Every structure is written in C-alpha cells, then in structure tokens.
Amino acid sequence: MAKREIAPTRGAADALSVLGAHIRLARHDKNWSAADLAARVGVGPRTITAIERGAPGVAVGTVFSAASVVGVPLFAASNDELARLRRRGQERVALIPAREYRPRSKGDDDGLDF
C-alpha cells in the first residue's frame, strides 16, 4: 500500500517552514554541510534538504533529531525544561482511564435476551 500524503494545515506548513529555516541557519552557523548534519542524524543529505525546505513528508522524529543536533530549541525550552514537560505530560496522561465505560440506560437493547 502506498504512503498516503496528507496536506498540512496552513499553521502546520508555517511551523515546518520556520523550523526548517532555523535548522538551516544553525547548520550554517556550525559550518556543516547537509551531508555533515545527515551523518550525525543518521539520514541522507536529501532528507536534510527536505527538512530545511519544510517538506511535510519527513517524519517528525527525524525533524526533531535534526533540530536537537544543531541546537535549535524545541518548544522554546531547554533540554531540562523539555524533560520536565515530558514527565508532567506522562503523569497527566496516566490519569486518563484506559477505557471509558458508558452506563446503559433502561431502553438499551443489546440483543441479548436473558
């Protein structure tokens, strides 16, 4: 089955473009080529070029890895702050029930006659 491409919203496209530009500027500040950054991230140079263009087809983990390697802050936070945000999010998600049960009203017919 072929990978289905979903067009990003305008806000998502803008965010990808901004993040890509920040990654490119940081890469140039380090005097790295696209191939240098690609080797550090573990991808090909064409993937780095796609990230810097703001292409929506690159995996978000790859984009975040490239940003992290060149030192672009994610979510305007330091690494310590990101770790705190992650833990807080995990704690909040843990409070969500694994299943939601809906009580049946008297009129519900589940098709079972006992």
PDB file of N, CA and C in Angstrom:
ATOM      1  N   MET A   1       0.842  -1.170   0.000  1.00  0.00           N
ATOM      2  CA  MET A   1       0.000   0.000   0.000  1.00  0.00           C
ATOM      3  C   MET A   1       0.890   1.236   0.000  1.00  0.00           C
ATOM      4  N   ALA A   2       0.597   2.184  -0.847  1.00  0.00           N
ATOM      5  CA  ALA A   2       1.383   3.404  -0.971  1.00  0.00           C
ATOM      6  C   ALA A   2       1.120   4.333   0.209  1.00  0.00           C
ATOM      7  N   LYS A   3       2.149   5.097   0.546  1.00  0.00           N
ATOM      8  CA  LYS A   3       2.030   6.063   1.630  1.00  0.00           C
ATOM      9  C   LYS A   3       1.099   7.184   1.188  1.00  0.00           C
ATOM     10  N   ARG A   4       0.095   7.447   2.012  1.00  0.00           N
ATOM     11  CA  ARG A   4      -0.881   8.478   1.686  1.00  0.00           C
ATOM     12  C   ARG A   4      -0.393   9.829   2.195  1.00  0.00           C
ATOM     13  N   GLU A   5      -0.289  10.801   1.327  1.00  0.00           N
ATOM     14  CA  GLU A   5       0.185  12.130   1.685  1.00  0.00           C
ATOM     15  C   GLU A   5      -1.000  12.993   2.092  1.00  0.00           C
ATOM     16  N   ILE A   6      -0.911  13.578   3.258  1.00  0.00           N
ATOM     17  CA  ILE A   6      -1.956  14.460   3.746  1.00  0.00           C
ATOM     18  C   ILE A   6      -1.399  15.873   3.754  1.00  0.00           C
ATOM     19  N   ALA A   7      -2.102  16.779   3.137  1.00  0.00           N
ATOM     20  CA  ALA A   7      -1.647  18.169   3.077  1.00  0.00           C
ATOM     21  C   ALA A   7      -1.738  18.799   4.470  1.00  0.00           C
ATOM     22  N   PRO A   8      -0.665  19.464   4.898  1.00  0.00           N
ATOM     23  CA  PRO A   8      -0.702  20.093   6.222  1.00  0.00           C
ATOM     24  C   PRO A   8      -1.605  21.325   6.223  1.00  0.00           C
ATOM     25  N   THR A   9      -2.091  21.662   7.398  1.00  0.00           N
ATOM     26  CA  THR A   9      -2.857  22.909   7.527  1.00  0.00           C
ATOM     27  C   THR A   9      -1.903  24.076   7.316  1.00  0.00           C
ATOM     28  N   ARG A  10      -2.452  25.249   7.143  1.00  0.00           N
ATOM     29  CA  ARG A  10      -1.618  26.438   6.926  1.00  0.00           C
ATOM     30  C   ARG A  10      -0.683  26.665   8.118  1.00  0.00           C
ATOM     31  N   GLY A  11      -1.212  26.507   9.327  1.00  0.00           N
ATOM     32  CA  GLY A  11      -0.391  26.682  10.516  1.00  0.00           C
ATOM     33  C   GLY A  11       0.735  25.667  10.596  1.00  0.00           C
ATOM     34  N   ALA A  12       0.437  24.409  10.252  1.00  0.00           N
ATOM     35  CA  ALA A  12       1.460  23.359  10.279  1.00  0.00           C
ATOM     36  C   ALA A  12       2.521  23.629   9.217  1.00  0.00           C
ATOM     37  N   ALA A  13       2.102  24.055   8.043  1.00  0.00           N
ATOM     38  CA  ALA A  13       3.061  24.364   6.974  1.00  0.00           C
ATOM     39  C   ALA A  13       3.971  25.522   7.382  1.00  0.00           C
ATOM     40  N   ASP A  14       3.401  26.527   8.024  1.00  0.00           N
ATOM     41  CA  ASP A  14       4.203  27.662   8.500  1.00  0.00           C
ATOM     42  C   ASP A  14       5.204  27.201   9.554  1.00  0.00           C
ATOM     43  N   ALA A  15       4.758  26.347  10.488  1.00  0.00           N
ATOM     44  CA  ALA A  15       5.642  25.846  11.544  1.00  0.00           C
ATOM     45  C   ALA A  15       6.788  25.025  10.945  1.00  0.00           C
ATOM     46  N   LEU A  16       6.483  24.176   9.959  1.00  0.00           N
ATOM     47  CA  LEU A  16       7.522  23.385   9.305  1.00  0.00           C
ATOM     48  C   LEU A  16       8.544  24.281   8.607  1.00  0.00           C
ATOM     49  N   SER A  17       8.050  25.314   7.968  1.00  0.00           N
ATOM     50  CA  SER A  17       8.927  26.244   7.270  1.00  0.00           C
ATOM     51  C   SER A  17       9.839  26.993   8.239  1.00  0.00           C
ATOM     52  N   VAL A  18       9.269  27.463   9.335  1.00  0.00           N
ATOM     53  CA  VAL A  18      10.056  28.189  10.341  1.00  0.00           C
ATOM     54  C   VAL A  18      11.107  27.276  10.959  1.00  0.00           C
ATOM     55  N   LEU A  19      10.701  26.068  11.370  1.00  0.00           N
ATOM     56  CA  LEU A  19      11.642  25.128  11.977  1.00  0.00           C
ATOM     57  C   LEU A  19      12.739  24.754  10.986  1.00  0.00           C
ATOM     58  N   GLY A  20      12.376  24.526   9.735  1.00  0.00           N
ATOM     59  CA  GLY A  20      13.369  24.211   8.704  1.00  0.00           C
ATOM     60  C   GLY A  20      14.381  25.329   8.512  1.00  0.00           C
ATOM     61  N   ALA A  21      13.895  26.565   8.527  1.00  0.00           N
ATOM     62  CA  ALA A  21      14.798  27.717   8.386  1.00  0.00           C
ATOM     63  C   ALA A  21      15.740  27.811   9.581  1.00  0.00           C
ATOM     64  N   HIS A  22      15.225  27.577  10.781  1.00  0.00           N
ATOM     65  CA  HIS A  22      16.067  27.618  11.980  1.00  0.00           C
ATOM     66  C   HIS A  22      17.143  26.533  11.924  1.00  0.00           C
ATOM     67  N   ILE A  23      16.766  25.362  11.465  1.00  0.00           N
ATOM     68  CA  ILE A  23      17.725  24.257  11.355  1.00  0.00           C
ATOM     69  C   ILE A  23      18.802  24.611  10.341  1.00  0.00           C
ATOM     70  N   ARG A  24      18.402  25.175   9.214  1.00  0.00           N
ATOM     71  CA  ARG A  24      19.387  25.538   8.189  1.00  0.00           C
ATOM     72  C   ARG A  24      20.337  26.612   8.696  1.00  0.00           C
ATOM     73  N   LEU A  25      19.808  27.630   9.356  1.00  0.00           N
ATOM     74  CA  LEU A  25      20.660  28.699   9.888  1.00  0.00           C
ATOM     75  C   LEU A  25      21.646  28.150  10.922  1.00  0.00           C
ATOM     76  N   ALA A  26      21.169  27.279  11.802  1.00  0.00           N
ATOM     77  CA  ALA A  26      22.043  26.699  12.820  1.00  0.00           C
ATOM     78  C   ALA A  26      23.115  25.820  12.176  1.00  0.00           C
ATOM     79  N   ARG A  27      22.736  25.101  11.138  1.00  0.00           N
ATOM     80  CA  ARG A  27      23.705  24.255  10.426  1.00  0.00           C
ATOM     81  C   ARG A  27      24.783  25.116   9.789  1.00  0.00           C
ATOM     82  N   HIS A  28      24.380  26.214   9.166  1.00  0.00           N
ATOM     83  CA  HIS A  28      25.353  27.119   8.536  1.00  0.00           C
ATOM     84  C   HIS A  28      26.243  27.786   9.587  1.00  0.00           C
ATOM     85  N   ASP A  29      25.677  28.125  10.739  1.00  0.00           N
ATOM     86  CA  ASP A  29      26.481  28.715  11.818  1.00  0.00           C
ATOM     87  C   ASP A  29      27.581  27.758  12.279  1.00  0.00           C
ATOM     88  N   LYS A  30      27.327  26.461  12.183  1.00  0.00           N
ATOM     89  CA  LYS A  30      28.319  25.456  12.571  1.00  0.00           C
ATOM     90  C   LYS A  30      29.249  25.110  11.410  1.00  0.00           C
ATOM     91  N   ASN A  31      29.017  25.708  10.248  1.00  0.00           N
ATOM     92  CA  ASN A  31      29.790  25.417   9.028  1.00  0.00           C
ATOM     93  C   ASN A  31      29.716  23.951   8.632  1.00  0.00           C
ATOM     94  N   TRP A  32      28.524  23.363   8.812  1.00  0.00           N
ATOM     95  CA  TRP A  32      28.294  21.988   8.411  1.00  0.00           C
ATOM     96  C   TRP A  32      27.585  21.967   7.063  1.00  0.00           C
ATOM     97  N   SER A  33      27.913  20.990   6.255  1.00  0.00           N
ATOM     98  CA  SER A  33      27.162  20.758   5.021  1.00  0.00           C
ATOM     99  C   SER A  33      25.920  19.940   5.376  1.00  0.00           C
ATOM    100  N   ALA A  34      25.029  19.830   4.415  1.00  0.00           N
ATOM    101  CA  ALA A  34      23.852  18.985   4.623  1.00  0.00           C
ATOM    102  C   ALA A  34      24.284  17.544   4.872  1.00  0.00           C
ATOM    103  N   ALA A  35      25.358  17.119   4.199  1.00  0.00           N
ATOM    104  CA  ALA A  35      25.872  15.757   4.387  1.00  0.00           C
ATOM    105  C   ALA A  35      26.430  15.572   5.795  1.00  0.00           C
ATOM    106  N   ASP A  36      27.071  16.624   6.350  1.00  0.00           N
ATOM    107  CA  ASP A  36      27.586  16.543   7.724  1.00  0.00           C
ATOM    108  C   ASP A  36      26.446  16.322   8.717  1.00  0.00           C
ATOM    109  N   LEU A  37      25.400  17.138   8.596  1.00  0.00           N
ATOM    110  CA  LEU A  37      24.264  17.006   9.503  1.00  0.00           C
ATOM    111  C   LEU A  37      23.562  15.660   9.289  1.00  0.00           C
ATOM    112  N   ALA A  38      23.438  15.264   8.043  1.00  0.00           N
ATOM    113  CA  ALA A  38      22.788  13.985   7.731  1.00  0.00           C
ATOM    114  C   ALA A  38      23.513  12.829   8.405  1.00  0.00           C
ATOM    115  N   ALA A  39      24.834  12.848   8.378  1.00  0.00           N
ATOM    116  CA  ALA A  39      25.610  11.775   9.002  1.00  0.00           C
ATOM    117  C   ALA A  39      25.380  11.757  10.512  1.00  0.00           C
ATOM    118  N   ARG A  40      25.253  12.926  11.122  1.00  0.00           N
ATOM    119  CA  ARG A  40      25.042  12.998  12.569  1.00  0.00           C
ATOM    120  C   ARG A  40      23.627  12.540  12.963  1.00  0.00           C
ATOM    121  N   VAL A  41      22.662  12.787  12.078  1.00  0.00           N
ATOM    122  CA  VAL A  41      21.272  12.407  12.364  1.00  0.00           C
ATOM    123  C   VAL A  41      21.007  10.961  11.957  1.00  0.00           C
ATOM    124  N   GLY A  42      21.762  10.466  10.981  1.00  0.00           N
ATOM    125  CA  GLY A  42      21.576   9.091  10.513  1.00  0.00           C
ATOM    126  C   GLY A  42      20.618   8.989   9.337  1.00  0.00           C
ATOM    127  N   VAL A  43      20.596  10.033   8.519  1.00  0.00           N
ATOM    128  CA  VAL A  43      19.752  10.056   7.320  1.00  0.00           C
ATOM    129  C   VAL A  43      20.597  10.505   6.139  1.00  0.00           C
ATOM    130  N   GLY A  44      19.988  10.604   4.978  1.00  0.00           N
ATOM    131  CA  GLY A  44      20.695  11.079   3.803  1.00  0.00           C
ATOM    132  C   GLY A  44      20.618  12.594   3.669  1.00  0.00           C
ATOM    133  N   PRO A  45      21.523  13.184   2.902  1.00  0.00           N
ATOM    134  CA  PRO A  45      21.519  14.638   2.698  1.00  0.00           C
ATOM    135  C   PRO A  45      20.211  15.162   2.101  1.00  0.00           C
ATOM    136  N   ARG A  46      19.554  14.350   1.276  1.00  0.00           N
ATOM    137  CA  ARG A  46      18.284  14.796   0.679  1.00  0.00           C
ATOM    138  C   ARG A  46      17.209  14.975   1.755  1.00  0.00           C
ATOM    139  N   THR A  47      17.267  14.165   2.804  1.00  0.00           N
ATOM    140  CA  THR A  47      16.311  14.313   3.905  1.00  0.00           C
ATOM    141  C   THR A  47      16.554  15.631   4.633  1.00  0.00           C
ATOM    142  N   ILE A  48      17.807  15.994   4.833  1.00  0.00           N
ATOM    143  CA  ILE A  48      18.129  17.272   5.476  1.00  0.00           C
ATOM    144  C   ILE A  48      17.635  18.422   4.617  1.00  0.00           C
ATOM    145  N   THR A  49      17.830  18.330   3.324  1.00  0.00           N
ATOM    146  CA  THR A  49      17.336  19.367   2.413  1.00  0.00           C
ATOM    147  C   THR A  49      15.819  19.477   2.504  1.00  0.00           C
ATOM    148  N   ALA A  50      15.136  18.349   2.581  1.00  0.00           N
ATOM    149  CA  ALA A  50      13.669  18.351   2.698  1.00  0.00           C
ATOM    150  C   ALA A  50      13.243  18.989   4.019  1.00  0.00           C
ATOM    151  N   ILE A  51      13.943  18.688   5.102  1.00  0.00           N
ATOM    152  CA  ILE A  51      13.631  19.288   6.404  1.00  0.00           C
ATOM    153  C   ILE A  51      13.767  20.802   6.312  1.00  0.00           C
ATOM    154  N   GLU A  52      14.861  21.255   5.739  1.00  0.00           N
ATOM    155  CA  GLU A  52      15.128  22.690   5.654  1.00  0.00           C
ATOM    156  C   GLU A  52      14.153  23.408   4.728  1.00  0.00           C
ATOM    157  N   ARG A  53      13.580  22.692   3.783  1.00  0.00           N
ATOM    158  CA  ARG A  53      12.538  23.260   2.900  1.00  0.00           C
ATOM    159  C   ARG A  53      11.186  23.296   3.584  1.00  0.00           C
ATOM    160  N   GLY A  54      11.052  22.555   4.674  1.00  0.00           N
ATOM    161  CA  GLY A  54       9.772  22.473   5.363  1.00  0.00           C
ATOM    162  C   GLY A  54       8.839  21.456   4.741  1.00  0.00           C
ATOM    163  N   ALA A  55       9.415  20.434   4.105  1.00  0.00           N
ATOM    164  CA  ALA A  55       8.605  19.396   3.464  1.00  0.00           C
ATOM    165  C   ALA A  55       7.834  18.613   4.525  1.00  0.00           C
ATOM    166  N   PRO A  56       6.529  18.427   4.331  1.00  0.00           N
ATOM    167  CA  PRO A  56       5.712  17.765   5.342  1.00  0.00           C
ATOM    168  C   PRO A  56       5.876  16.245   5.396  1.00  0.00           C
ATOM    169  N   GLY A  57       6.557  15.638   4.444  1.00  0.00           N
ATOM    170  CA  GLY A  57       6.653  14.184   4.397  1.00  0.00           C
ATOM    171  C   GLY A  57       7.736  13.583   5.276  1.00  0.00           C
ATOM    172  N   VAL A  58       8.580  14.416   5.886  1.00  0.00           N
ATOM    173  CA  VAL A  58       9.653  13.892   6.731  1.00  0.00           C
ATOM    174  C   VAL A  58       9.082  13.567   8.108  1.00  0.00           C
ATOM    175  N   ALA A  59       9.479  12.435   8.656  1.00  0.00           N
ATOM    176  CA  ALA A  59       8.984  12.017   9.967  1.00  0.00           C
ATOM    177  C   ALA A  59       9.325  13.060  11.025  1.00  0.00           C
ATOM    178  N   VAL A  60       8.383  13.314  11.903  1.00  0.00           N
ATOM    179  CA  VAL A  60       8.562  14.347  12.924  1.00  0.00           C
ATOM    180  C   VAL A  60       9.754  14.029  13.823  1.00  0.00           C
ATOM    181  N   GLY A  61       9.996  12.770  14.108  1.00  0.00           N
ATOM    182  CA  GLY A  61      11.146  12.398  14.930  1.00  0.00           C
ATOM    183  C   GLY A  61      12.461  12.764  14.260  1.00  0.00           C
ATOM    184  N   THR A  62      12.521  12.612  12.957  1.00  0.00           N
ATOM    185  CA  THR A  62      13.728  12.966  12.210  1.00  0.00           C
ATOM    186  C   THR A  62      13.942  14.475  12.238  1.00  0.00           C
ATOM    187  N   VAL A  63      12.872  15.231  12.077  1.00  0.00           N
ATOM    188  CA  VAL A  63      12.968  16.698  12.119  1.00  0.00           C
ATOM    189  C   VAL A  63      13.443  17.143  13.499  1.00  0.00           C
ATOM    190  N   PHE A  64      12.856  16.578  14.551  1.00  0.00           N
ATOM    191  CA  PHE A  64      13.251  16.947  15.911  1.00  0.00           C
ATOM    192  C   PHE A  64      14.694  16.546  16.191  1.00  0.00           C
ATOM    193  N   SER A  65      15.127  15.408  15.672  1.00  0.00           N
ATOM    194  CA  SER A  65      16.518  14.986  15.854  1.00  0.00           C
ATOM    195  C   SER A  65      17.468  15.969  15.192  1.00  0.00           C
ATOM    196  N   ALA A  66      17.148  16.392  13.990  1.00  0.00           N
ATOM    197  CA  ALA A  66      17.997  17.368  13.291  1.00  0.00           C
ATOM    198  C   ALA A  66      18.058  18.675  14.070  1.00  0.00           C
ATOM    199  N   ALA A  67      16.913  19.121  14.578  1.00  0.00           N
ATOM    200  CA  ALA A  67      16.881  20.357  15.356  1.00  0.00           C
ATOM    201  C   ALA A  67      17.733  20.217  16.611  1.00  0.00           C
ATOM    202  N   SER A  68      17.625  19.105  17.277  1.00  0.00           N
ATOM    203  CA  SER A  68      18.373  18.872  18.505  1.00  0.00           C
ATOM    204  C   SER A  68      19.875  18.829  18.245  1.00  0.00           C
ATOM    205  N   VAL A  69      20.277  18.171  17.170  1.00  0.00           N
ATOM    206  CA  VAL A  69      21.703  18.031  16.850  1.00  0.00           C
ATOM    207  C   VAL A  69      22.343  19.392  16.581  1.00  0.00           C
ATOM    208  N   VAL A  70      21.633  20.290  15.896  1.00  0.00           N
ATOM    209  CA  VAL A  70      22.223  21.603  15.593  1.00  0.00           C
ATOM    210  C   VAL A  70      21.991  22.615  16.706  1.00  0.00           C
ATOM    211  N   GLY A  71      21.182  22.236  17.711  1.00  0.00           N
ATOM    212  CA  GLY A  71      20.980  23.125  18.853  1.00  0.00           C
ATOM    213  C   GLY A  71      19.790  24.049  18.762  1.00  0.00           C
ATOM    214  N   VAL A  72      18.846  23.747  17.878  1.00  0.00           N
ATOM    215  CA  VAL A  72      17.620  24.552  17.798  1.00  0.00           C
ATOM    216  C   VAL A  72      16.709  24.127  18.940  1.00  0.00           C
ATOM    217  N   PRO A  73      16.323  25.065  19.809  1.00  0.00           N
ATOM    218  CA  PRO A  73      15.461  24.685  20.936  1.00  0.00           C
ATOM    219  C   PRO A  73      14.066  24.292  20.448  1.00  0.00           C
ATOM    220  N   LEU A  74      13.559  23.213  21.004  1.00  0.00           N
ATOM    221  CA  LEU A  74      12.222  22.743  20.657  1.00  0.00           C
ATOM    222  C   LEU A  74      11.240  23.250  21.692  1.00  0.00           C
ATOM    223  N   PHE A  75      10.132  23.771  21.258  1.00  0.00           N
ATOM    224  CA  PHE A  75       9.097  24.300  22.139  1.00  0.00           C
ATOM    225  C   PHE A  75       9.637  25.434  23.001  1.00  0.00           C
ATOM    226  N   ALA A  76      10.640  26.149  22.490  1.00  0.00           N
ATOM    227  CA  ALA A  76      11.247  27.283  23.194  1.00  0.00           C
ATOM    228  C   ALA A  76      11.667  26.887  24.606  1.00  0.00           C
ATOM    229  N   ALA A  77      12.194  25.690  24.732  1.00  0.00           N
ATOM    230  CA  ALA A  77      12.557  25.184  26.057  1.00  0.00           C
ATOM    231  C   ALA A  77      13.968  24.602  26.021  1.00  0.00           C
ATOM    232  N   SER A  78      14.604  24.608  27.185  1.00  0.00           N
ATOM    233  CA  SER A  78      15.892  23.944  27.323  1.00  0.00           C
ATOM    234  C   SER A  78      15.649  22.432  27.405  1.00  0.00           C
ATOM    235  N   ASN A  79      16.718  21.663  27.320  1.00  0.00           N
ATOM    236  CA  ASN A  79      16.565  20.206  27.428  1.00  0.00           C
ATOM    237  C   ASN A  79      15.993  19.808  28.779  1.00  0.00           C
ATOM    238  N   ASP A  80      16.417  20.503  29.854  1.00  0.00           N
ATOM    239  CA  ASP A  80      15.879  20.199  31.187  1.00  0.00           C
ATOM    240  C   ASP A  80      14.389  20.518  31.255  1.00  0.00           C
ATOM    241  N   GLU A  81      14.013  21.651  30.674  1.00  0.00           N
ATOM    242  CA  GLU A  81      12.599  22.038  30.694  1.00  0.00           C
ATOM    243  C   GLU A  81      11.761  21.064  29.868  1.00  0.00           C
ATOM    244  N   LEU A  82      12.307  20.613  28.736  1.00  0.00           N
ATOM    245  CA  LEU A  82      11.594  19.619  27.925  1.00  0.00           C
ATOM    246  C   LEU A  82      11.386  18.329  28.711  1.00  0.00           C
ATOM    247  N   ALA A  83      12.393  17.903  29.442  1.00  0.00           N
ATOM    248  CA  ALA A  83      12.264  16.678  30.247  1.00  0.00           C
ATOM    249  C   ALA A  83      11.174  16.851  31.301  1.00  0.00           C
ATOM    250  N   ARG A  84      11.118  18.035  31.931  1.00  0.00           N
ATOM    251  CA  ARG A  84      10.062  18.292  32.924  1.00  0.00           C
ATOM    252  C   ARG A  84       8.683  18.279  32.266  1.00  0.00           C
ATOM    253  N   LEU A  85       8.579  18.913  31.090  1.00  0.00           N
ATOM    254  CA  LEU A  85       7.298  18.933  30.377  1.00  0.00           C
ATOM    255  C   LEU A  85       6.871  17.519  29.995  1.00  0.00           C
ATOM    256  N   ARG A  86       7.836  16.692  29.562  1.00  0.00           N
ATOM    257  CA  ARG A  86       7.528  15.311  29.190  1.00  0.00           C
ATOM    258  C   ARG A  86       6.997  14.540  30.391  1.00  0.00           C
ATOM    259  N   ARG A  87       7.695  14.661  31.518  1.00  0.00           N
ATOM    260  CA  ARG A  87       7.240  13.949  32.719  1.00  0.00           C
ATOM    261  C   ARG A  87       5.850  14.413  33.141  1.00  0.00           C
ATOM    262  N   ARG A  88       5.623  15.724  33.111  1.00  0.00           N
ATOM    263  CA  ARG A  88       4.311  16.241  33.502  1.00  0.00           C
ATOM    264  C   ARG A  88       3.222  15.731  32.564  1.00  0.00           C
ATOM    265  N   GLY A  89       3.504  15.697  31.282  1.00  0.00           N
ATOM    266  CA  GLY A  89       2.545  15.165  30.325  1.00  0.00           C
ATOM    267  C   GLY A  89       2.269  13.695  30.555  1.00  0.00           C
ATOM    268  N   GLN A  90       3.321  12.918  30.841  1.00  0.00           N
ATOM    269  CA  GLN A  90       3.141  11.493  31.104  1.00  0.00           C
ATOM    270  C   GLN A  90       2.301  11.272  32.359  1.00  0.00           C
ATOM    271  N   GLU A  91       2.525  12.095  33.377  1.00  0.00           N
ATOM    272  CA  GLU A  91       1.737  11.973  34.608  1.00  0.00           C
ATOM    273  C   GLU A  91       0.269  12.272  34.350  1.00  0.00           C
ATOM    274  N   ARG A  92       0.001  13.286  33.546  1.00  0.00           N
ATOM    275  CA  ARG A  92      -1.388  13.649  33.254  1.00  0.00           C
ATOM    276  C   ARG A  92      -2.057  12.579  32.387  1.00  0.00           C
ATOM    277  N   VAL A  93      -1.333  12.051  31.406  1.00  0.00           N
ATOM    278  CA  VAL A  93      -1.893  11.014  30.534  1.00  0.00           C
ATOM    279  C   VAL A  93      -2.197   9.757  31.339  1.00  0.00           C
ATOM    280  N   ALA A  94      -1.370   9.461  32.345  1.00  0.00           N
ATOM    281  CA  ALA A  94      -1.592   8.276  33.178  1.00  0.00           C
ATOM    282  C   ALA A  94      -2.917   8.359  33.933  1.00  0.00           C
ATOM    283  N   LEU A  95      -3.434   9.548  34.134  1.00  0.00           N
ATOM    284  CA  LEU A  95      -4.700   9.717  34.848  1.00  0.00           C
ATOM    285  C   LEU A  95      -5.919   9.456  33.965  1.00  0.00           C
ATOM    286  N   ILE A  96      -5.719   9.392  32.665  1.00  0.00           N
ATOM    287  CA  ILE A  96      -6.829   9.136  31.744  1.00  0.00           C
ATOM    288  C   ILE A  96      -7.153   7.647  31.803  1.00  0.00           C
ATOM    289  N   PRO A  97      -8.425   7.297  31.980  1.00  0.00           N
ATOM    290  CA  PRO A  97      -8.769   5.870  32.039  1.00  0.00           C
ATOM    291  C   PRO A  97      -8.425   5.169  30.723  1.00  0.00           C
ATOM    292  N   ALA A  98      -8.009   3.913  30.847  1.00  0.00           N
ATOM    293  CA  ALA A  98      -7.668   3.141  29.654  1.00  0.00           C
ATOM    294  C   ALA A  98      -8.910   2.890  28.797  1.00  0.00           C
ATOM    295  N   ARG A  99     -10.046   2.748  29.464  1.00  0.00           N
ATOM    296  CA  ARG A  99     -11.313   2.546  28.753  1.00  0.00           C
ATOM    297  C   ARG A  99     -12.350   3.457  29.356  1.00  0.00           C
ATOM    298  N   GLU A 100     -13.252   3.838  28.526  1.00  0.00           N
ATOM    299  CA  GLU A 100     -14.373   4.627  29.020  1.00  0.00           C
ATOM    300  C   GLU A 100     -15.613   3.755  28.959  1.00  0.00           C
ATOM    301  N   TYR A 101     -16.282   3.647  30.084  1.00  0.00           N
ATOM    302  CA  TYR A 101     -17.491   2.838  30.153  1.00  0.00           C
ATOM    303  C   TYR A 101     -18.691   3.761  30.165  1.00  0.00           C
ATOM    304  N   ARG A 102     -19.622   3.435  29.320  1.00  0.00           N
ATOM    305  CA  ARG A 102     -20.847   4.218  29.241  1.00  0.00           C
ATOM    306  C   ARG A 102     -21.951   3.404  29.897  1.00  0.00           C
ATOM    307  N   PRO A 103     -22.529   3.945  30.952  1.00  0.00           N
ATOM    308  CA  PRO A 103     -23.621   3.186  31.584  1.00  0.00           C
ATOM    309  C   PRO A 103     -24.798   3.050  30.626  1.00  0.00           C
ATOM    310  N   ARG A 104     -25.401   1.863  30.635  1.00  0.00           N
ATOM    311  CA  ARG A 104     -26.560   1.634  29.768  1.00  0.00           C
ATOM    312  C   ARG A 104     -27.813   2.162  30.435  1.00  0.00           C
ATOM    313  N   SER A 105     -28.624   2.765  29.629  1.00  0.00           N
ATOM    314  CA  SER A 105     -29.924   3.196  30.161  1.00  0.00           C
ATOM    315  C   SER A 105     -30.903   2.045  30.008  1.00  0.00           C
ATOM    316  N   LYS A 106     -32.064   2.172  30.643  1.00  0.00           N
ATOM    317  CA  LYS A 106     -33.050   1.077  30.636  1.00  0.00           C
ATOM    318  C   LYS A 106     -33.526   0.725  29.236  1.00  0.00           C
ATOM    319  N   GLY A 107     -33.498   1.661  28.317  1.00  0.00           N
ATOM    320  CA  GLY A 107     -34.017   1.399  26.973  1.00  0.00           C
ATOM    321  C   GLY A 107     -33.019   0.749  26.043  1.00  0.00           C
ATOM    322  N   ASP A 108     -31.772   0.578  26.485  1.00  0.00           N
ATOM    323  CA  ASP A 108     -30.757  -0.019  25.612  1.00  0.00           C
ATOM    324  C   ASP A 108     -31.057  -1.482  25.366  1.00  0.00           C
ATOM    325  N   ASP A 109     -31.002  -1.873  24.110  1.00  0.00           N
ATOM    326  CA  ASP A 109     -31.210  -3.258  23.760  1.00  0.00           C
ATOM    327  C   ASP A 109     -29.924  -3.759  23.148  1.00  0.00           C
ATOM    328  N   ASP A 110     -29.263  -4.655  23.843  1.00  0.00           N
ATOM    329  CA  ASP A 110     -28.006  -5.175  23.340  1.00  0.00           C
ATOM    330  C   ASP A 110     -28.204  -6.459  22.521  1.00  0.00           C
ATOM    331  N   GLY A 111     -29.432  -6.845  22.306  1.00  0.00           N
ATOM    332  CA  GLY A 111     -29.717  -8.019  21.508  1.00  0.00           C
ATOM    333  C   GLY A 111     -29.674  -9.308  22.300  1.00  0.00           C
ATOM    334  N   LEU A 112     -29.386  -9.233  23.576  1.00  0.00           N
ATOM    335  CA  LEU A 112     -29.320 -10.430  24.401  1.00  0.00           C
ATOM    336  C   LEU A 112     -30.598 -10.535  25.230  1.00  0.00           C
ATOM    337  N   ASP A 113     -31.222 -11.677  25.209  1.00  0.00           N
ATOM    338  CA  ASP A 113     -32.428 -11.906  25.999  1.00  0.00           C
ATOM    339  C   ASP A 113     -32.134 -12.963  27.048  1.00  0.00           C
ATOM    340  N   PHE A 114     -32.001 -12.559  28.272  1.00  0.00           N
ATOM    341  CA  PHE A 114     -31.745 -13.494  29.380  1.00  0.00           C
ATOM    342  C   PHE A 114     -32.947 -13.585  30.255  1.00  0.00           C
TER     343      PHE A 114
END
